[in-house]
Amino acid sequence: MVTIIKDDLIKNSVKLKLSLSYVAILTVCLLLVNIFVFLAIRKEYITERKGNIYLYQRTIADLAYEADLNKTPLFDIAVETISNQSNSRILVIDDKYIVKADSKNELIGKYYQNREVKRAFSGIKTSKLRGFLKNSYLSVATPILIGDKVKGVVLFLTPIDDIYNKIIVIEKRLFTISLFILAIVTLIGYFISTYATKPIYSVIDAIENMAEGNLKQRVEVIGNDEIARLCMAFNEMNEKITTIDSERRQFVADASHELKSPLASINVLVESLISSELANKDMAMEFLQDIHSEIDRLSNIVNNLLELTKLEGSFGVKVEKFDLNDVCLQVVKRVGYIAKTKNVEIFYDGQSVEIEANRDNIFRALYNVVENAVKYSFEYGRVDFWVEKDSRGAIIHIKDHGVGIPEDDIPKIFERFYRVDKTRDRKTGGSGLGLSIVNEIIKKHNGTIEVKSRVGEGTEFIISIPYEFKG
């Protein structure tokens, strides 16, 4: 048994997941944008700062060249002034890695080396960002050239906390804008998810109503996407379920009615026998014969119902190859006894046709059609029965020259319990299931049935059966 839990939280989980998905995707995108902006602005500021440092270094390098890397009052004043202007610590280092000048006067005469200094001695301007965030600083080294030889290096150690302060101000504004965008998009995403999941909730509600027994449900199809296809599939499924349920109800009602009629007749006859003193033996025998006939009719209805149910279920009967002509001859022989009672003659013109099918079922189908042809023929009439074959399979023709079927009734004759003339069918002993059984048997064999009829002229059934069974 399937239990459907009705819970708004569960039903809204799809909407919630979609909304959270929008928020998550947007949050990641905004985070990436913020990181990208941060790195781009930092790169721009640092590039600008390095450009200024290179200009200052060029001035220091020229003065160092003139002083031959020796301390002079002019050189010391220049180093101190530029250090203050650039907010940098300035070191001048000779080719033995000895500090010749220091804006803080702490490392003069001492050995100093780092990657930037070492690389600058190869004649290349070098810079590197060291530290982390507000503790970061630029280490920029420029070679001092005397001729073609590098005699020294000017090293600037410049803090960039002011750059980070500017970036933080920009990032705060960008973060505020991002939050505003996130809030707007979250709201839009909620409305989009509500609109997108509305058909799904319609399907859920319809399924819940079906579970409660209200089968006639339809959902509105909006658009042409996957959800629309889901709604269309649900509507088609519901139509089929409704049709099957309607057929089931009609079948139960028809079967009950058909079973009730012989039972009612038996009941009346039995009551008549009970109430009478049975003085007239012939009348009593007549009643008993009528009861026997009604019991036979009841048994026939039940057997036909069981056979029809079996045919509509799984086709578990084995198939075999046999000559269709042999089966047709057996049908003619069996129905011949009924034909004699009505003075109807059966004319059979057959030929040998080998098919692969269930022999008993094919016999039953042909028997039902030929028997009907005899029953509904006029007295002293004839039934024409012949077999042909083509590239697809065997073609069987069964034609009577009797009462015929109205054109409007032809599409309905294969329905259970359907009768063109119910009074006449009662007299002939029919249950209204014979042609339904024929239809199911032929469908199981991938065959077809065509009916041609004119009222007062007769009816022709054209049945085609493939040579090979493809169940």
Protein backbone atom coordinates (compact mmCIF):
# COMPACT_ATOMS: atom_id res chain seq x y z
CA MET A 1 0.00 0.00 0.00
CA VAL A 2 1.28 3.47 -0.89
CA THR A 3 0.97 6.15 1.80
CA ILE A 4 0.91 9.77 0.63
CA ILE A 5 2.12 12.21 3.27
CA LYS A 6 0.42 15.57 3.06
CA ASP A 7 2.85 18.07 4.53
CA ASP A 8 3.32 21.65 3.35
CA LEU A 9 6.98 21.55 4.40
CA ILE A 10 7.59 18.52 2.22
CA LYS A 11 5.60 19.98 -0.67
CA ASN A 12 7.52 23.27 -0.39
CA SER A 13 10.89 21.52 -0.27
CA VAL A 14 11.22 21.71 -4.07
CA LYS A 15 10.55 25.43 -4.05
CA LEU A 16 12.97 25.86 -1.14
CA LYS A 17 15.67 23.84 -2.88
CA LEU A 18 15.30 25.87 -6.06
CA SER A 19 15.41 29.16 -4.13
CA LEU A 20 18.46 28.05 -2.14
CA SER A 21 20.11 26.93 -5.38
CA TYR A 22 19.66 30.39 -6.87
CA VAL A 23 21.04 32.00 -3.68
CA ALA A 24 24.00 29.60 -3.53
CA ILE A 25 24.94 30.12 -7.18
CA LEU A 26 24.63 33.89 -6.90
CA THR A 27 26.60 33.95 -3.63
CA VAL A 28 29.46 32.03 -5.24
CA CYS A 29 29.37 34.33 -8.28
CA LEU A 30 29.39 37.48 -6.13
CA LEU A 31 32.20 36.07 -4.01
CA LEU A 32 34.26 35.38 -7.12
CA VAL A 33 33.50 38.87 -8.42
CA ASN A 34 34.61 40.42 -5.12
CA ILE A 35 37.83 38.41 -5.13
CA PHE A 36 38.49 39.34 -8.75
CA VAL A 37 37.87 43.03 -8.07
CA PHE A 38 40.12 42.88 -5.00
CA LEU A 39 42.98 41.31 -6.97
CA ALA A 40 42.50 43.63 -9.96
CA ILE A 41 42.51 46.81 -7.82
CA ARG A 42 45.49 45.61 -5.78
CA LYS A 43 47.41 44.83 -8.95
CA GLU A 44 46.61 48.25 -10.37
CA TYR A 45 47.68 50.10 -7.20
CA ILE A 46 50.85 48.03 -6.79
CA THR A 47 51.80 48.53 -10.45
CA GLU A 48 51.39 52.26 -10.00
CA ARG A 49 53.41 52.16 -6.74
CA LYS A 50 56.22 50.19 -8.38
CA GLY A 51 56.36 52.72 -11.21
CA ASN A 52 56.91 55.52 -8.71
CA ILE A 53 59.51 53.46 -6.83
CA TYR A 54 61.44 52.82 -10.05
CA LEU A 55 61.63 56.60 -10.64
CA TYR A 56 62.92 57.18 -7.11
CA GLN A 57 65.40 54.34 -7.50
CA ARG A 58 66.68 55.80 -10.72
CA THR A 59 67.44 59.06 -8.86
CA ILE A 60 69.20 57.21 -6.02
CA ALA A 61 71.14 55.08 -8.51
CA ASP A 62 72.35 58.18 -10.36
CA LEU A 63 73.50 59.81 -7.11
CA ALA A 64 75.18 56.59 -6.00
CA TYR A 65 76.96 56.41 -9.31
CA GLU A 66 78.26 59.95 -8.94
CA ALA A 67 79.39 59.28 -5.36
CA ASP A 68 80.90 55.94 -6.38
CA LEU A 69 78.72 54.30 -3.69
CA ASN A 70 80.43 56.37 -0.98
CA LYS A 71 78.55 58.36 1.62
CA THR A 72 78.33 62.09 0.92
CA PRO A 73 76.19 64.73 2.58
CA LEU A 74 74.21 65.26 -0.64
CA PHE A 75 73.67 61.52 -1.08
CA ASP A 76 72.51 61.10 2.55
CA ILE A 77 70.08 64.03 2.23
CA ALA A 78 68.69 62.58 -1.03
CA VAL A 79 68.19 59.13 0.54
CA GLU A 80 66.44 60.58 3.59
CA THR A 81 64.20 62.89 1.50
CA ILE A 82 63.13 60.21 -0.96
CA SER A 83 62.56 57.76 1.89
CA ASN A 84 60.14 60.20 3.50
CA GLN A 85 58.41 61.00 0.23
CA SER A 86 57.96 57.35 -0.81
CA ASN A 87 57.34 56.07 2.74
CA SER A 88 60.00 53.45 2.08
CA ARG A 89 63.11 52.12 3.72
CA ILE A 90 66.00 52.56 1.28
CA LEU A 91 69.13 50.41 1.22
CA VAL A 92 72.12 50.88 -1.09
CA ILE A 93 74.18 47.69 -1.36
CA ASP A 94 77.55 47.22 -3.10
CA ASP A 95 78.68 44.23 -5.14
CA LYS A 96 79.89 42.48 -1.95
CA TYR A 97 76.40 42.70 -0.43
CA ILE A 98 77.56 45.27 2.10
CA VAL A 99 75.01 47.99 2.94
CA LYS A 100 76.53 51.35 2.00
CA ALA A 101 73.46 53.44 2.83
CA ASP A 102 70.36 52.89 5.00
CA SER A 103 67.54 55.42 5.43
CA LYS A 104 67.19 54.14 9.02
CA ASN A 105 70.99 53.98 9.64
CA GLU A 106 70.68 50.49 11.16
CA LEU A 107 72.39 48.20 8.63
CA ILE A 108 75.28 50.39 7.32
CA GLY A 109 78.39 48.25 6.89
CA LYS A 110 76.50 45.02 7.42
CA TYR A 111 75.93 42.14 5.02
CA TYR A 112 72.44 42.00 3.43
CA GLN A 113 71.01 39.79 0.74
CA ASN A 114 67.57 38.59 -0.48
CA ARG A 115 66.24 37.21 -3.75
CA GLU A 116 65.44 40.58 -5.22
CA VAL A 117 68.95 41.92 -4.43
CA LYS A 118 70.62 38.81 -5.81
CA ARG A 119 68.59 38.96 -9.02
CA ALA A 120 69.22 42.71 -9.41
CA PHE A 121 72.97 42.00 -9.46
CA SER A 122 72.30 40.05 -12.68
CA GLY A 123 71.17 43.37 -14.21
CA ILE A 124 67.40 42.89 -13.90
CA LYS A 125 64.93 45.10 -12.06
CA THR A 126 63.11 42.87 -9.60
CA SER A 127 60.15 43.26 -7.30
CA LYS A 128 58.23 40.99 -4.96
CA LEU A 129 55.21 41.39 -2.69
CA ARG A 130 56.04 40.06 0.75
CA GLY A 131 53.95 39.62 3.88
CA PHE A 132 50.16 39.20 4.18
CA LEU A 133 47.40 41.79 3.74
CA LYS A 134 48.08 44.85 5.95
CA ASN A 135 51.53 43.54 6.87
CA SER A 136 52.47 43.32 3.21
CA TYR A 137 55.29 45.35 1.70
CA LEU A 138 56.97 45.68 -1.66
CA SER A 139 60.60 44.64 -2.02
CA VAL A 140 61.91 46.39 -5.17
CA ALA A 141 65.56 46.17 -6.30
CA THR A 142 67.21 48.14 -9.15
CA PRO A 143 70.82 47.61 -10.31
CA ILE A 144 73.40 50.48 -10.22
CA LEU A 145 75.29 50.27 -13.48
CA ILE A 146 78.76 51.70 -14.01
CA GLY A 147 79.46 51.00 -17.64
CA ASP A 148 78.31 47.47 -18.30
CA LYS A 149 78.97 46.27 -14.79
CA VAL A 150 76.58 46.17 -11.86
CA LYS A 151 78.41 47.86 -8.98
CA GLY A 152 75.50 47.94 -6.58
CA VAL A 153 71.78 47.70 -5.94
CA VAL A 154 69.16 50.16 -4.69
CA LEU A 155 66.57 48.30 -2.57
CA PHE A 156 63.24 49.83 -1.55
CA LEU A 157 61.16 48.17 1.20
CA THR A 158 57.79 49.90 0.89
CA PRO A 159 54.75 49.11 3.13
CA ILE A 160 51.45 49.03 1.20
CA ASP A 161 48.96 49.22 4.11
CA ASP A 162 47.60 52.43 2.58
CA ILE A 163 46.76 50.50 -0.57
CA TYR A 164 44.86 47.90 1.46
CA ASN A 165 43.01 50.66 3.30
CA LYS A 166 41.81 52.07 -0.02
CA ILE A 167 40.87 48.58 -1.26
CA ILE A 168 38.93 47.86 1.95
CA VAL A 169 36.86 51.00 1.46
CA ILE A 170 36.06 49.94 -2.12
CA GLU A 171 35.35 46.35 -1.03
CA LYS A 172 32.94 47.52 1.68
CA ARG A 173 30.95 49.45 -0.90
CA LEU A 174 31.07 46.50 -3.30
CA PHE A 175 29.99 44.12 -0.51
CA THR A 176 27.01 46.36 0.29
CA ILE A 177 26.01 46.38 -3.39
CA SER A 178 26.47 42.60 -3.52
CA LEU A 179 24.15 42.10 -0.54
CA PHE A 180 21.55 44.30 -2.18
CA ILE A 181 21.84 42.35 -5.45
CA LEU A 182 21.66 39.06 -3.50
CA ALA A 183 18.47 40.17 -1.76
CA ILE A 184 16.85 41.28 -5.03
CA VAL A 185 17.84 38.11 -6.89
CA THR A 186 16.72 35.92 -3.95
CA LEU A 187 13.30 37.53 -4.12
CA ILE A 188 13.16 37.13 -7.90
CA GLY A 189 14.38 33.54 -7.55
CA TYR A 190 11.62 32.80 -5.07
CA PHE A 191 8.96 34.04 -7.48
CA ILE A 192 10.57 32.14 -10.38
CA SER A 193 10.70 28.92 -8.34
CA THR A 194 7.09 29.45 -7.27
CA TYR A 195 6.03 29.85 -10.91
CA ALA A 196 8.21 26.93 -12.07
CA THR A 197 6.98 24.51 -9.40
CA LYS A 198 3.30 25.44 -9.59
CA PRO A 199 2.55 22.71 -12.19
CA ILE A 200 4.38 20.16 -10.02
CA TYR A 201 2.17 21.04 -7.05
CA SER A 202 -0.85 20.70 -9.34
CA VAL A 203 0.26 17.19 -10.27
CA ILE A 204 0.89 16.34 -6.58
CA ASP A 205 -2.55 17.60 -5.58
CA ALA A 206 -4.16 15.67 -8.44
CA ILE A 207 -2.34 12.46 -7.43
CA GLU A 208 -3.43 12.93 -3.80
CA ASN A 209 -7.03 13.41 -4.95
CA MET A 210 -6.75 10.25 -7.06
CA ALA A 211 -5.44 8.38 -4.02
CA GLU A 212 -8.60 9.43 -2.20
CA GLY A 213 -10.76 7.99 -4.99
CA ASN A 214 -11.40 11.13 -7.08
CA LEU A 215 -10.07 9.80 -10.38
CA LYS A 216 -11.27 12.56 -12.71
CA GLN A 217 -8.34 14.94 -12.43
CA ARG A 218 -6.63 17.22 -14.94
CA VAL A 219 -3.73 19.61 -14.58
CA GLU A 220 -3.12 22.70 -16.66
CA VAL A 221 -0.33 22.38 -19.22
CA ILE A 222 1.78 25.54 -19.43
CA GLY A 223 4.57 25.90 -21.98
CA ASN A 224 6.41 23.11 -23.78
CA ASP A 225 9.21 22.18 -21.39
CA GLU A 226 9.87 19.03 -19.33
CA ILE A 227 7.35 20.03 -16.66
CA ALA A 228 4.72 20.62 -19.36
CA ARG A 229 5.48 17.15 -20.72
CA LEU A 230 5.06 15.76 -17.21
CA CYS A 231 1.64 17.42 -16.97
CA MET A 232 0.65 16.08 -20.39
CA ALA A 233 1.79 12.58 -19.42
CA PHE A 234 -0.23 12.81 -16.20
CA ASN A 235 -3.35 13.90 -18.09
CA GLU A 236 -2.95 11.03 -20.57
CA MET A 237 -2.38 8.56 -17.73
CA ASN A 238 -5.42 9.90 -15.87
CA GLU A 239 -7.60 9.56 -18.97
CA LYS A 240 -6.52 5.94 -19.36
CA ILE A 241 -7.09 5.19 -15.67
CA THR A 242 -10.49 6.86 -15.80
CA THR A 243 -11.39 4.89 -18.93
CA ILE A 244 -10.23 1.62 -17.37
CA ASP A 245 -12.18 2.37 -14.19
CA SER A 246 -15.28 3.25 -16.20
CA GLU A 247 -14.93 0.04 -18.21
CA ARG A 248 -14.46 -1.93 -15.00
CA ARG A 249 -17.59 -0.43 -13.49
CA GLN A 250 -19.54 -1.03 -16.70
CA PHE A 251 -18.23 -4.59 -16.88
CA VAL A 252 -19.31 -5.29 -13.28
CA ALA A 253 -22.73 -3.77 -13.97
CA ASP A 254 -23.15 -5.70 -17.25
CA ALA A 255 -21.91 -8.95 -15.74
CA SER A 256 -24.24 -8.52 -12.77
CA HIS A 257 -27.16 -7.84 -15.09
CA GLU A 258 -26.34 -10.83 -17.31
CA LEU A 259 -25.99 -13.14 -14.32
CA LYS A 260 -29.10 -11.75 -12.70
CA SER A 261 -31.39 -12.53 -15.65
CA PRO A 262 -30.97 -16.36 -15.64
CA LEU A 263 -30.96 -16.41 -11.85
CA ALA A 264 -34.24 -14.48 -11.80
CA SER A 265 -35.74 -16.88 -14.34
CA ILE A 266 -34.59 -19.88 -12.30
CA ASN A 267 -36.03 -18.30 -9.15
CA VAL A 268 -39.44 -17.75 -10.78
CA LEU A 269 -39.53 -21.28 -12.14
CA VAL A 270 -38.50 -22.83 -8.82
CA GLU A 271 -41.11 -20.76 -6.95
CA SER A 272 -43.73 -21.95 -9.43
CA LEU A 273 -42.71 -25.56 -8.82
CA ILE A 274 -42.80 -25.11 -5.07
CA SER A 275 -46.19 -23.42 -5.08
CA SER A 276 -47.79 -26.02 -7.38
CA GLU A 277 -48.82 -29.53 -6.31
CA LEU A 278 -47.06 -31.05 -9.34
CA ALA A 279 -50.28 -32.67 -10.46
CA ASN A 280 -49.34 -32.07 -14.07
CA LYS A 281 -46.10 -33.97 -14.66
CA ASP A 282 -45.63 -32.55 -18.17
CA MET A 283 -45.75 -28.99 -16.85
CA ALA A 284 -43.27 -29.87 -14.13
CA MET A 285 -40.91 -31.38 -16.71
CA GLU A 286 -41.25 -28.28 -18.85
CA PHE A 287 -40.33 -26.10 -15.86
CA LEU A 288 -37.33 -28.32 -15.11
CA GLN A 289 -36.19 -28.12 -18.73
CA ASP A 290 -36.46 -24.34 -18.60
CA ILE A 291 -34.42 -24.32 -15.39
CA HIS A 292 -31.84 -26.55 -17.06
CA SER A 293 -31.66 -24.16 -20.03
CA GLU A 294 -31.17 -21.15 -17.75
CA ILE A 295 -28.44 -23.00 -15.84
CA ASP A 296 -26.72 -23.78 -19.14
CA ARG A 297 -26.99 -20.13 -20.10
CA LEU A 298 -25.58 -19.06 -16.73
CA SER A 299 -22.73 -21.54 -17.06
CA ASN A 300 -22.01 -20.28 -20.58
CA ILE A 301 -21.79 -16.67 -19.37
CA VAL A 302 -19.42 -17.61 -16.53
CA ASN A 303 -17.20 -19.71 -18.82
CA ASN A 304 -17.04 -16.90 -21.38
CA LEU A 305 -16.16 -14.38 -18.67
CA LEU A 306 -13.37 -16.61 -17.39
CA GLU A 307 -12.02 -17.14 -20.89
CA LEU A 308 -12.16 -13.42 -21.70
CA THR A 309 -10.35 -12.59 -18.45
CA LYS A 310 -7.68 -15.16 -19.25
CA LEU A 311 -7.21 -13.76 -22.76
CA GLU A 312 -6.92 -10.18 -21.49
CA GLY A 313 -4.24 -11.28 -19.06
CA SER A 314 -0.91 -12.83 -19.90
CA PHE A 315 -0.81 -15.02 -22.99
CA GLY A 316 0.77 -18.10 -21.52
CA VAL A 317 -0.51 -20.70 -24.02
CA LYS A 318 2.10 -22.31 -26.22
CA VAL A 319 2.00 -21.73 -29.97
CA GLU A 320 2.61 -24.29 -32.68
CA LYS A 321 2.71 -24.52 -36.44
CA PHE A 322 -0.37 -26.11 -38.01
CA ASP A 323 -2.49 -26.11 -41.15
CA LEU A 324 -5.26 -23.52 -40.81
CA ASN A 325 -7.35 -25.51 -43.30
CA ASP A 326 -7.66 -28.38 -40.80
CA VAL A 327 -8.99 -26.03 -38.13
CA CYS A 328 -11.50 -24.49 -40.55
CA LEU A 329 -12.81 -27.93 -41.50
CA GLN A 330 -13.28 -28.75 -37.80
CA VAL A 331 -15.23 -25.51 -37.34
CA VAL A 332 -17.49 -26.30 -40.28
CA LYS A 333 -18.15 -29.77 -38.88
CA ARG A 334 -18.95 -28.51 -35.37
CA VAL A 335 -21.15 -25.61 -36.46
CA GLY A 336 -22.83 -27.82 -39.04
CA TYR A 337 -25.08 -29.37 -36.41
CA ILE A 338 -26.42 -25.92 -35.45
CA ALA A 339 -26.79 -24.98 -39.14
CA LYS A 340 -29.00 -28.01 -39.83
CA THR A 341 -31.50 -26.92 -37.16
CA LYS A 342 -31.96 -23.62 -39.03
CA ASN A 343 -31.73 -25.14 -42.51
CA VAL A 344 -28.64 -23.00 -43.17
CA GLU A 345 -25.95 -24.36 -45.45
CA ILE A 346 -22.23 -23.62 -44.96
CA PHE A 347 -20.14 -23.40 -48.13
CA TYR A 348 -16.42 -23.74 -47.36
CA ASP A 349 -13.67 -23.14 -49.89
CA GLY A 350 -10.30 -23.58 -48.21
CA GLN A 351 -6.67 -24.15 -49.01
CA SER A 352 -3.65 -25.33 -47.09
CA VAL A 353 -2.09 -22.43 -45.11
CA GLU A 354 0.50 -23.07 -42.42
CA ILE A 355 0.52 -20.57 -39.57
CA GLU A 356 2.15 -20.33 -36.15
CA ALA A 357 -0.46 -19.72 -33.46
CA ASN A 358 -2.39 -21.23 -30.59
CA ARG A 359 -4.56 -23.83 -32.29
CA ASP A 360 -7.33 -23.94 -29.67
CA ASN A 361 -7.71 -20.16 -29.57
CA ILE A 362 -7.86 -19.85 -33.35
CA PHE A 363 -10.49 -22.60 -33.41
CA ARG A 364 -12.54 -20.78 -30.76
CA ALA A 365 -12.35 -17.45 -32.63
CA LEU A 366 -13.43 -18.93 -35.97
CA TYR A 367 -16.10 -21.04 -34.31
CA ASN A 368 -17.64 -17.98 -32.64
CA VAL A 369 -17.77 -16.01 -35.89
CA VAL A 370 -19.15 -18.89 -37.99
CA GLU A 371 -21.70 -19.74 -35.27
CA ASN A 372 -22.85 -16.10 -35.22
CA ALA A 373 -23.14 -16.14 -39.02
CA VAL A 374 -25.40 -19.19 -38.80
CA LYS A 375 -27.49 -17.80 -35.94
CA TYR A 376 -28.19 -14.52 -37.69
CA SER A 377 -28.85 -15.99 -41.15
CA PHE A 378 -32.36 -16.29 -42.47
CA GLU A 379 -33.86 -19.78 -42.57
CA TYR A 380 -32.76 -21.73 -45.65
CA GLY A 381 -29.93 -19.25 -46.02
CA ARG A 382 -26.22 -19.84 -46.60
CA VAL A 383 -22.89 -18.93 -45.03
CA ASP A 384 -19.82 -18.52 -47.27
CA PHE A 385 -16.53 -19.42 -45.62
CA TRP A 386 -13.22 -19.25 -47.50
CA VAL A 387 -9.50 -18.80 -46.86
CA GLU A 388 -6.93 -16.83 -48.89
CA LYS A 389 -3.32 -15.98 -48.33
CA ASP A 390 -1.00 -13.13 -49.24
CA SER A 391 2.54 -12.00 -48.40
CA ARG A 392 1.57 -11.08 -44.82
CA GLY A 393 -0.49 -14.06 -43.75
CA ALA A 394 -3.77 -15.93 -43.99
CA ILE A 395 -7.00 -14.05 -44.76
CA ILE A 396 -10.25 -15.66 -43.62
CA HIS A 397 -13.65 -14.56 -44.98
CA ILE A 398 -16.90 -15.47 -43.21
CA LYS A 399 -20.00 -14.07 -44.90
CA ASP A 400 -23.66 -14.59 -44.12
CA HIS A 401 -26.74 -13.36 -45.97
CA GLY A 402 -28.84 -12.61 -42.94
CA VAL A 403 -30.20 -9.70 -40.96
CA GLY A 404 -27.02 -7.57 -41.05
CA ILE A 405 -25.74 -4.98 -38.60
CA PRO A 406 -26.61 -1.25 -38.60
CA GLU A 407 -23.60 0.90 -39.52
CA ASP A 408 -23.65 2.75 -36.18
CA ASP A 409 -23.44 -0.53 -34.27
CA ILE A 410 -20.46 -2.02 -36.13
CA PRO A 411 -17.75 -0.27 -33.99
CA LYS A 412 -19.45 -1.54 -30.82
CA ILE A 413 -19.96 -5.23 -31.59
CA PHE A 414 -16.64 -6.23 -30.00
CA GLU A 415 -17.54 -4.64 -26.66
CA ARG A 416 -18.47 -6.95 -23.78
CA PHE A 417 -22.17 -7.76 -23.50
CA TYR A 418 -23.03 -5.54 -26.46
CA ARG A 419 -25.96 -6.75 -28.53
CA VAL A 420 -27.41 -5.17 -31.65
CA ASP A 421 -30.83 -6.67 -30.85
CA LYS A 422 -30.97 -7.79 -27.24
CA THR A 423 -34.29 -9.59 -27.58
CA ARG A 424 -33.12 -11.58 -30.59
CA ASP A 425 -29.81 -12.39 -28.89
CA ARG A 426 -31.60 -13.73 -25.82
CA LYS A 427 -33.56 -16.09 -28.08
CA THR A 428 -30.41 -17.33 -29.81
CA GLY A 429 -28.76 -17.97 -26.47
CA GLY A 430 -25.94 -15.44 -26.89
CA SER A 431 -24.16 -13.86 -23.95
CA GLY A 432 -22.77 -10.83 -25.75
CA LEU A 433 -19.19 -12.03 -25.11
CA GLY A 434 -18.48 -14.12 -28.21
CA LEU A 435 -17.10 -11.36 -30.42
CA SER A 436 -15.18 -9.86 -27.48
CA ILE A 437 -13.40 -13.20 -27.15
CA VAL A 438 -12.74 -13.26 -30.92
CA ASN A 439 -11.29 -9.75 -30.80
CA GLU A 440 -8.95 -10.58 -27.91
CA ILE A 441 -7.71 -13.79 -29.58
CA ILE A 442 -6.97 -12.08 -32.90
CA LYS A 443 -5.23 -9.15 -31.14
CA LYS A 444 -3.05 -11.61 -29.21
CA HIS A 445 -1.96 -13.03 -32.56
CA ASN A 446 -1.22 -9.55 -33.99
CA GLY A 447 -4.05 -10.00 -36.47
CA THR A 448 -6.88 -7.74 -37.59
CA ILE A 449 -10.67 -7.99 -37.99
CA GLU A 450 -12.66 -6.05 -40.57
CA VAL A 451 -16.46 -6.02 -40.62
CA LYS A 452 -18.66 -5.17 -43.60
CA SER A 453 -22.42 -5.26 -43.22
CA ARG A 454 -25.72 -4.02 -44.60
CA VAL A 455 -29.03 -4.37 -42.84
CA GLY A 456 -31.17 -7.04 -44.50
CA GLU A 457 -28.33 -8.20 -46.78
CA GLY A 458 -25.84 -9.81 -44.39
CA THR A 459 -22.45 -9.40 -42.76
CA GLU A 460 -18.89 -10.30 -43.74
CA PHE A 461 -16.01 -10.75 -41.27
CA ILE A 462 -12.48 -10.54 -42.75
CA ILE A 463 -9.86 -11.89 -40.35
CA SER A 464 -6.12 -11.72 -41.08
CA ILE A 465 -3.57 -13.79 -39.13
CA PRO A 466 0.22 -13.47 -39.68
CA TYR A 467 2.15 -16.57 -40.70
CA GLU A 468 4.47 -16.24 -37.70
CA PHE A 469 3.49 -15.50 -34.12
CA LYS A 470 5.14 -12.41 -32.65
CA GLY A 471 3.68 -12.28 -29.16
